[in-house]
Amino acid sequence: MTASAHEDADPILTPAQRRLAASRAALAEIFAPPDPEAFPRSETMRFLVGGKGRLVALGLFMGLLLVKPKLAAGLARFLPLGQVLPIARVLLKALR
């Protein structure tokens, strides 16, 4: 083999170097600018629109219901209850 063949070959990475490369790739994915055509543009809104985001929102509402029931009851008037009730059913099934 020539010296150039050794330079072209991938170096053997240690486990620590593999973990470092994986964490660098994860950070690059996090800090990469979002696609301007993607909707919703905000990462927070993407999370809240997703499946787990609805459960988080429902959990926050339940916490508010426990701490300040009058305020939660007042805010419940503005919620689209048709979308909240299926989530409540899923939560109740999970608790059984």
C-alpha atoms as a PDB file:
ATOM      1  CA  MET A   1       0.000   0.000   0.000  1.00  0.00           C
ATOM      2  CA  THR A   2       1.155   3.497  -0.677  1.00  0.00           C
ATOM      3  CA  ALA A   3       1.114   6.400   1.733  1.00  0.00           C
ATOM      4  CA  SER A   4      -1.873   7.971  -0.068  1.00  0.00           C
ATOM      5  CA  ALA A   5      -3.964   4.825   0.498  1.00  0.00           C
ATOM      6  CA  HIS A   6      -3.463   5.159   4.256  1.00  0.00           C
ATOM      7  CA  GLU A   7      -4.513   8.808   4.179  1.00  0.00           C
ATOM      8  CA  ASP A   8      -7.759   8.022   2.323  1.00  0.00           C
ATOM      9  CA  ALA A   9      -8.848   5.272   4.733  1.00  0.00           C
ATOM     10  CA  ASP A  10     -11.193   6.223   7.570  1.00  0.00           C
ATOM     11  CA  PRO A  11      -9.379   6.424  10.885  1.00  0.00           C
ATOM     12  CA  ILE A  12     -10.428   4.006  13.580  1.00  0.00           C
ATOM     13  CA  LEU A  13     -12.392   5.971  16.178  1.00  0.00           C
ATOM     14  CA  THR A  14     -12.342   5.251  19.872  1.00  0.00           C
ATOM     15  CA  PRO A  15     -15.639   5.046  21.750  1.00  0.00           C
ATOM     16  CA  ALA A  16     -15.038   8.524  23.186  1.00  0.00           C
ATOM     17  CA  GLN A  17     -14.459   9.950  19.705  1.00  0.00           C
ATOM     18  CA  ARG A  18     -17.650   8.290  18.449  1.00  0.00           C
ATOM     19  CA  ARG A  19     -19.660   9.807  21.321  1.00  0.00           C
ATOM     20  CA  LEU A  20     -18.090  13.198  20.622  1.00  0.00           C
ATOM     21  CA  ALA A  21     -18.979  12.946  16.927  1.00  0.00           C
ATOM     22  CA  ALA A  22     -22.554  11.936  17.807  1.00  0.00           C
ATOM     23  CA  SER A  23     -22.979  14.837  20.227  1.00  0.00           C
ATOM     24  CA  ARG A  24     -21.542  17.262  17.670  1.00  0.00           C
ATOM     25  CA  ALA A  25     -23.998  15.984  15.075  1.00  0.00           C
ATOM     26  CA  ALA A  26     -26.889  16.392  17.548  1.00  0.00           C
ATOM     27  CA  LEU A  27     -25.808  19.965  18.342  1.00  0.00           C
ATOM     28  CA  ALA A  28     -25.476  20.772  14.652  1.00  0.00           C
ATOM     29  CA  GLU A  29     -29.039  19.494  14.144  1.00  0.00           C
ATOM     30  CA  ILE A  30     -30.343  21.603  17.037  1.00  0.00           C
ATOM     31  CA  PHE A  31     -28.608  24.796  15.937  1.00  0.00           C
ATOM     32  CA  ALA A  32     -29.290  24.371  12.227  1.00  0.00           C
ATOM     33  CA  PRO A  33     -31.612  27.091  10.966  1.00  0.00           C
ATOM     34  CA  PRO A  34     -35.151  25.802  10.381  1.00  0.00           C
ATOM     35  CA  ASP A  35     -36.542  25.515   6.896  1.00  0.00           C
ATOM     36  CA  PRO A  36     -38.200  28.879   6.105  1.00  0.00           C
ATOM     37  CA  GLU A  37     -41.003  27.082   4.251  1.00  0.00           C
ATOM     38  CA  ALA A  38     -41.825  24.796   7.188  1.00  0.00           C
ATOM     39  CA  PHE A  39     -45.009  25.480   9.141  1.00  0.00           C
ATOM     40  CA  PRO A  40     -45.195  26.330  11.971  1.00  0.00           C
ATOM     41  CA  ARG A  41     -41.845  28.075  11.963  1.00  0.00           C
ATOM     42  CA  SER A  42     -41.346  28.223  15.721  1.00  0.00           C
ATOM     43  CA  GLU A  43     -39.877  25.123  17.366  1.00  0.00           C
ATOM     44  CA  THR A  44     -42.102  25.790  20.384  1.00  0.00           C
ATOM     45  CA  MET A  45     -45.223  25.789  18.239  1.00  0.00           C
ATOM     46  CA  ARG A  46     -44.071  22.618  16.472  1.00  0.00           C
ATOM     47  CA  PHE A  47     -43.768  20.946  19.862  1.00  0.00           C
ATOM     48  CA  LEU A  48     -47.151  22.187  21.073  1.00  0.00           C
ATOM     49  CA  VAL A  49     -48.911  21.188  17.853  1.00  0.00           C
ATOM     50  CA  GLY A  50     -47.390  17.703  18.057  1.00  0.00           C
ATOM     51  CA  GLY A  51     -48.951  14.856  20.021  1.00  0.00           C
ATOM     52  CA  LYS A  52     -46.938  15.255  23.214  1.00  0.00           C
ATOM     53  CA  GLY A  53     -47.414  19.011  23.206  1.00  0.00           C
ATOM     54  CA  ARG A  54     -51.148  18.591  23.659  1.00  0.00           C
ATOM     55  CA  LEU A  55     -50.564  16.343  26.649  1.00  0.00           C
ATOM     56  CA  VAL A  56     -48.202  18.928  28.143  1.00  0.00           C
ATOM     57  CA  ALA A  57     -50.803  21.665  27.643  1.00  0.00           C
ATOM     58  CA  LEU A  58     -53.453  19.481  29.261  1.00  0.00           C
ATOM     59  CA  GLY A  59     -51.113  18.773  32.173  1.00  0.00           C
ATOM     60  CA  LEU A  60     -50.514  22.484  32.645  1.00  0.00           C
ATOM     61  CA  PHE A  61     -54.247  23.096  32.619  1.00  0.00           C
ATOM     62  CA  MET A  62     -54.805  20.327  35.196  1.00  0.00           C
ATOM     63  CA  GLY A  63     -52.122  21.864  37.401  1.00  0.00           C
ATOM     64  CA  LEU A  64     -53.838  25.230  37.114  1.00  0.00           C
ATOM     65  CA  LEU A  65     -57.133  23.537  37.940  1.00  0.00           C
ATOM     66  CA  LEU A  66     -55.624  22.178  41.161  1.00  0.00           C
ATOM     67  CA  VAL A  67     -54.009  25.476  42.201  1.00  0.00           C
ATOM     68  CA  LYS A  68     -56.590  28.043  41.040  1.00  0.00           C
ATOM     69  CA  PRO A  69     -59.856  26.313  40.153  1.00  0.00           C
ATOM     70  CA  LYS A  70     -61.841  29.513  39.504  1.00  0.00           C
ATOM     71  CA  LEU A  71     -59.266  30.807  37.027  1.00  0.00           C
ATOM     72  CA  ALA A  72     -59.078  27.425  35.292  1.00  0.00           C
ATOM     73  CA  ALA A  73     -62.886  27.260  35.032  1.00  0.00           C
ATOM     74  CA  GLY A  74     -62.921  30.739  33.527  1.00  0.00           C
ATOM     75  CA  LEU A  75     -60.248  29.795  30.987  1.00  0.00           C
ATOM     76  CA  ALA A  76     -62.062  26.557  30.126  1.00  0.00           C
ATOM     77  CA  ARG A  77     -64.753  28.599  28.423  1.00  0.00           C
ATOM     78  CA  PHE A  78     -62.216  29.584  25.768  1.00  0.00           C
ATOM     79  CA  LEU A  79     -60.934  26.044  25.108  1.00  0.00           C
ATOM     80  CA  PRO A  80     -62.144  24.011  22.159  1.00  0.00           C
ATOM     81  CA  LEU A  81     -63.437  21.172  24.322  1.00  0.00           C
ATOM     82  CA  GLY A  82     -64.072  18.955  21.315  1.00  0.00           C
ATOM     83  CA  GLN A  83     -60.303  18.643  20.887  1.00  0.00           C
ATOM     84  CA  VAL A  84     -59.544  18.306  24.606  1.00  0.00           C
ATOM     85  CA  LEU A  85     -61.996  15.525  25.459  1.00  0.00           C
ATOM     86  CA  PRO A  86     -60.298  12.789  23.362  1.00  0.00           C
ATOM     87  CA  ILE A  87     -57.016  13.595  25.090  1.00  0.00           C
ATOM     88  CA  ALA A  88     -58.705  13.354  28.479  1.00  0.00           C
ATOM     89  CA  ARG A  89     -60.042   9.925  27.518  1.00  0.00           C
ATOM     90  CA  VAL A  90     -56.533   8.773  26.581  1.00  0.00           C
ATOM     91  CA  LEU A  91     -55.195  10.031  29.910  1.00  0.00           C
ATOM     92  CA  LEU A  92     -57.919   8.252  31.829  1.00  0.00           C
ATOM     93  CA  LYS A  93     -57.207   4.987  30.003  1.00  0.00           C
ATOM     94  CA  ALA A  94     -53.503   5.363  30.770  1.00  0.00           C
ATOM     95  CA  LEU A  95     -54.254   5.799  34.484  1.00  0.00           C
ATOM     96  CA  ARG A  96     -56.285   2.585  34.696  1.00  0.00           C
END
